[in-house]
Amino acid sequence: PTMRVGRIPYINCYPVYGAVDRGIVPLAADLVDGVPTALNAGMADGTLDVSVVSAVEYARDWERYLLLPDLAISCDGAVRSVMLFSRRPAEELGGRQVLVSRSSMTSVHLLEMLFENVWQSKPQFVAGDAEASDLRDAAGDSSVVARLVIGDAALMLGTGTIASPYEHAYDLGLEGKQWTRLPLVFA
């Protein structure tokens, strides 16, 4: 059987897979693209053999995984690909609905910690879709006061490639001022 290797198909991960994609580094495996939560599920249910998983998934079932040390998608500052976009300042979102991406567990937990410890606010978190196509379709939807967006969609919304109806943008890498890791693990 061929090994199945999970990869995140976002543009900021292209350098990791570029040599494999161009045939410079041979890989005797099937690459399986997926958002972080899909890769977490694939590792958990055994449909992937090797993959990046979120720090939250690793913590949830750490005894099952082999963590490769000093290898992670991580940050110590601004990343521009994990963003909270809002029509109001974060401190004023208490009691309001904040749409959180279904694509990332770690980003959602980091956002919850930021609201509790930095912005001192308690919004209602609602899981939703926040990929680029969802944002294009929802550009005129004023019912979403704030949304957590990751990956390519965050980069496009933040740079204006997708029109943004939001006045406030928060980079969770910068706001968190801590290491956020997505470890590569073997099941």
Protein backbone atom coordinates (compact mmCIF):
# COMPACT_ATOMS: atom_id res chain seq x y z
CA PRO A 1 0.00 0.00 0.00
CA THR A 2 1.12 3.54 -0.78
CA MET A 3 1.77 5.89 2.10
CA ARG A 4 -0.72 8.79 2.35
CA VAL A 5 0.73 12.16 3.28
CA GLY A 6 -1.53 15.06 4.23
CA ARG A 7 -0.75 18.60 3.18
CA ILE A 8 -2.39 21.97 3.61
CA PRO A 9 -3.08 23.45 0.14
CA TYR A 10 -2.68 27.08 1.20
CA ILE A 11 -0.20 29.30 -0.61
CA ASN A 12 1.87 29.92 2.53
CA CYS A 13 2.61 26.16 2.62
CA TYR A 14 3.86 25.98 -0.99
CA PRO A 15 7.53 26.33 0.01
CA VAL A 16 7.21 23.18 2.12
CA TYR A 17 5.97 21.08 -0.82
CA GLY A 18 7.54 22.97 -3.76
CA ALA A 19 10.42 20.58 -4.34
CA VAL A 20 8.07 17.58 -4.23
CA ASP A 21 5.58 19.25 -6.59
CA ARG A 22 8.35 20.04 -9.11
CA GLY A 23 9.81 16.51 -8.92
CA ILE A 24 13.10 17.69 -7.39
CA VAL A 25 12.52 15.59 -4.27
CA PRO A 26 10.92 12.23 -5.05
CA LEU A 27 8.10 11.14 -2.78
CA ALA A 28 6.80 7.58 -2.93
CA ALA A 29 3.46 8.56 -1.45
CA ASP A 30 0.07 9.97 -2.32
CA LEU A 31 -0.35 13.61 -1.31
CA VAL A 32 -3.78 14.33 0.15
CA ASP A 33 -4.80 18.00 0.28
CA GLY A 34 -7.02 19.23 3.08
CA VAL A 35 -7.68 22.07 5.49
CA PRO A 36 -6.14 21.51 8.94
CA THR A 37 -9.33 20.07 10.47
CA ALA A 38 -9.66 17.57 7.59
CA LEU A 39 -6.05 16.49 8.05
CA ASN A 40 -6.66 16.12 11.79
CA ALA A 41 -9.61 13.85 11.04
CA GLY A 42 -7.57 11.82 8.54
CA MET A 43 -4.84 11.21 11.09
CA ALA A 44 -7.37 10.38 13.81
CA ASP A 45 -9.26 7.87 11.66
CA GLY A 46 -6.15 6.35 10.07
CA THR A 47 -6.79 7.42 6.47
CA LEU A 48 -3.53 9.42 6.55
CA ASP A 49 -0.15 8.02 7.56
CA VAL A 50 1.80 11.28 7.92
CA SER A 51 0.51 14.81 8.17
CA VAL A 52 0.63 18.17 9.77
CA VAL A 53 -1.94 18.25 12.56
CA SER A 54 -3.05 21.11 14.74
CA ALA A 55 -1.55 21.62 18.18
CA VAL A 56 -5.04 21.02 19.57
CA GLU A 57 -5.29 17.61 17.84
CA TYR A 58 -1.83 16.65 19.05
CA ALA A 59 -2.71 17.62 22.63
CA ARG A 60 -6.03 15.74 22.42
CA ASP A 61 -4.40 12.41 21.52
CA TRP A 62 -0.65 12.92 22.06
CA GLU A 63 0.09 9.31 23.02
CA ARG A 64 -1.05 8.13 19.59
CA TYR A 65 1.31 10.37 17.58
CA LEU A 66 5.06 10.56 17.05
CA LEU A 67 6.02 14.23 17.13
CA LEU A 68 8.94 15.31 14.99
CA PRO A 69 10.89 17.85 17.07
CA ASP A 70 11.69 21.33 15.77
CA LEU A 71 9.45 20.94 12.73
CA ALA A 72 6.26 22.99 12.70
CA ILE A 73 4.20 25.60 10.96
CA SER A 74 4.57 28.25 13.61
CA CYS A 75 4.92 31.94 14.22
CA ASP A 76 6.35 34.47 16.58
CA GLY A 77 4.61 37.53 15.27
CA ALA A 78 2.42 38.58 12.36
CA VAL A 79 1.41 35.90 9.85
CA ARG A 80 -1.38 37.56 7.78
CA SER A 81 -2.99 34.14 7.23
CA VAL A 82 -4.81 33.77 10.56
CA MET A 83 -6.99 36.83 10.94
CA LEU A 84 -10.04 38.13 12.75
CA PHE A 85 -11.98 40.59 10.60
CA SER A 86 -14.59 42.70 12.36
CA ARG A 87 -16.98 45.59 11.84
CA ARG A 88 -16.35 46.67 15.45
CA PRO A 89 -13.28 46.67 17.74
CA ALA A 90 -12.70 43.25 19.31
CA GLU A 91 -13.30 44.66 22.79
CA GLU A 92 -16.86 45.58 21.72
CA LEU A 93 -17.88 42.12 20.46
CA GLY A 94 -19.21 40.82 23.81
CA GLY A 95 -22.51 39.00 23.30
CA ARG A 96 -22.26 39.27 19.50
CA GLN A 97 -21.82 36.35 17.15
CA VAL A 98 -18.34 35.76 15.78
CA LEU A 99 -18.14 33.30 12.91
CA VAL A 100 -15.16 30.98 13.37
CA SER A 101 -13.65 28.98 10.55
CA ARG A 102 -14.36 25.24 10.50
CA SER A 103 -10.92 24.81 8.91
CA SER A 104 -8.72 25.25 12.00
CA MET A 105 -9.03 24.08 15.59
CA THR A 106 -5.90 25.83 16.86
CA SER A 107 -6.91 29.21 15.45
CA VAL A 108 -10.33 28.97 17.11
CA HIS A 109 -8.80 28.15 20.49
CA LEU A 110 -6.24 30.95 20.14
CA LEU A 111 -9.07 33.37 19.29
CA GLU A 112 -11.02 32.26 22.37
CA MET A 113 -7.95 32.90 24.55
CA LEU A 114 -7.43 36.33 23.00
CA PHE A 115 -11.01 37.34 23.66
CA GLU A 116 -10.81 36.16 27.26
CA ASN A 117 -7.34 37.41 28.18
CA VAL A 118 -6.53 40.32 25.87
CA TRP A 119 -9.77 41.87 24.69
CA GLN A 120 -11.75 41.03 27.86
CA SER A 121 -14.86 40.23 25.84
CA LYS A 122 -17.18 37.21 25.56
CA PRO A 123 -18.70 36.87 22.09
CA GLN A 124 -20.76 33.90 20.93
CA PHE A 125 -18.64 31.71 18.66
CA VAL A 126 -20.48 30.16 15.72
CA ALA A 127 -18.80 27.65 13.42
CA GLY A 128 -19.04 28.60 9.77
CA ASP A 129 -17.37 28.44 6.41
CA ALA A 130 -14.71 31.03 5.69
CA GLU A 131 -12.91 29.88 2.57
CA ALA A 132 -12.35 32.33 -0.32
CA SER A 133 -15.53 31.31 -2.16
CA ASP A 134 -17.59 31.79 1.02
CA LEU A 135 -16.19 35.28 1.49
CA ARG A 136 -16.91 36.32 -2.09
CA ASP A 137 -20.50 35.11 -1.71
CA ALA A 138 -20.95 36.82 1.66
CA ALA A 139 -19.31 40.19 0.90
CA GLY A 140 -22.60 42.06 1.27
CA ASP A 141 -23.86 40.08 4.29
CA SER A 142 -24.00 42.60 7.13
CA SER A 143 -25.28 40.00 9.62
CA VAL A 144 -21.74 38.69 10.21
CA VAL A 145 -20.19 41.23 12.58
CA ALA A 146 -16.85 39.41 12.82
CA ARG A 147 -15.24 36.31 11.38
CA LEU A 148 -12.09 34.28 11.89
CA VAL A 149 -10.48 33.54 8.53
CA ILE A 150 -7.36 31.45 7.83
CA GLY A 151 -5.12 30.51 4.92
CA ASP A 152 -5.53 31.86 1.41
CA ALA A 153 -8.88 33.46 2.27
CA ALA A 154 -7.26 35.52 5.05
CA LEU A 155 -4.45 36.60 2.74
CA MET A 156 -6.93 37.61 0.01
CA LEU A 157 -9.26 39.46 2.37
CA GLY A 158 -6.34 41.20 4.09
CA THR A 159 -4.76 42.38 0.85
CA GLY A 160 -8.00 43.47 -0.81
CA THR A 161 -8.02 40.69 -3.42
CA ILE A 162 -11.46 39.96 -1.96
CA ALA A 163 -13.38 43.11 -1.05
CA SER A 164 -13.61 43.45 2.72
CA PRO A 165 -16.66 44.90 4.46
CA TYR A 166 -14.70 44.91 7.76
CA GLU A 167 -13.12 48.01 9.30
CA HIS A 168 -10.96 46.11 11.80
CA ALA A 169 -8.40 43.38 11.13
CA TYR A 170 -6.47 41.49 13.80
CA ASP A 171 -3.54 39.21 12.96
CA LEU A 172 -3.71 36.40 15.52
CA GLY A 173 0.01 35.73 15.19
CA LEU A 174 0.76 39.30 16.23
CA GLU A 175 -2.08 39.55 18.78
CA GLY A 176 -1.19 36.21 20.37
CA LYS A 177 2.52 37.06 20.75
CA GLN A 178 3.18 33.39 21.35
CA TRP A 179 4.23 30.33 19.39
CA THR A 180 1.40 28.57 17.63
CA ARG A 181 2.52 25.21 16.30
CA LEU A 182 1.05 22.74 13.85
CA PRO A 183 3.29 19.72 14.41
CA LEU A 184 4.08 17.08 11.79
CA VAL A 185 3.24 13.68 13.26
CA PHE A 186 3.12 10.02 12.36
CA ALA A 187 0.24 7.82 13.49
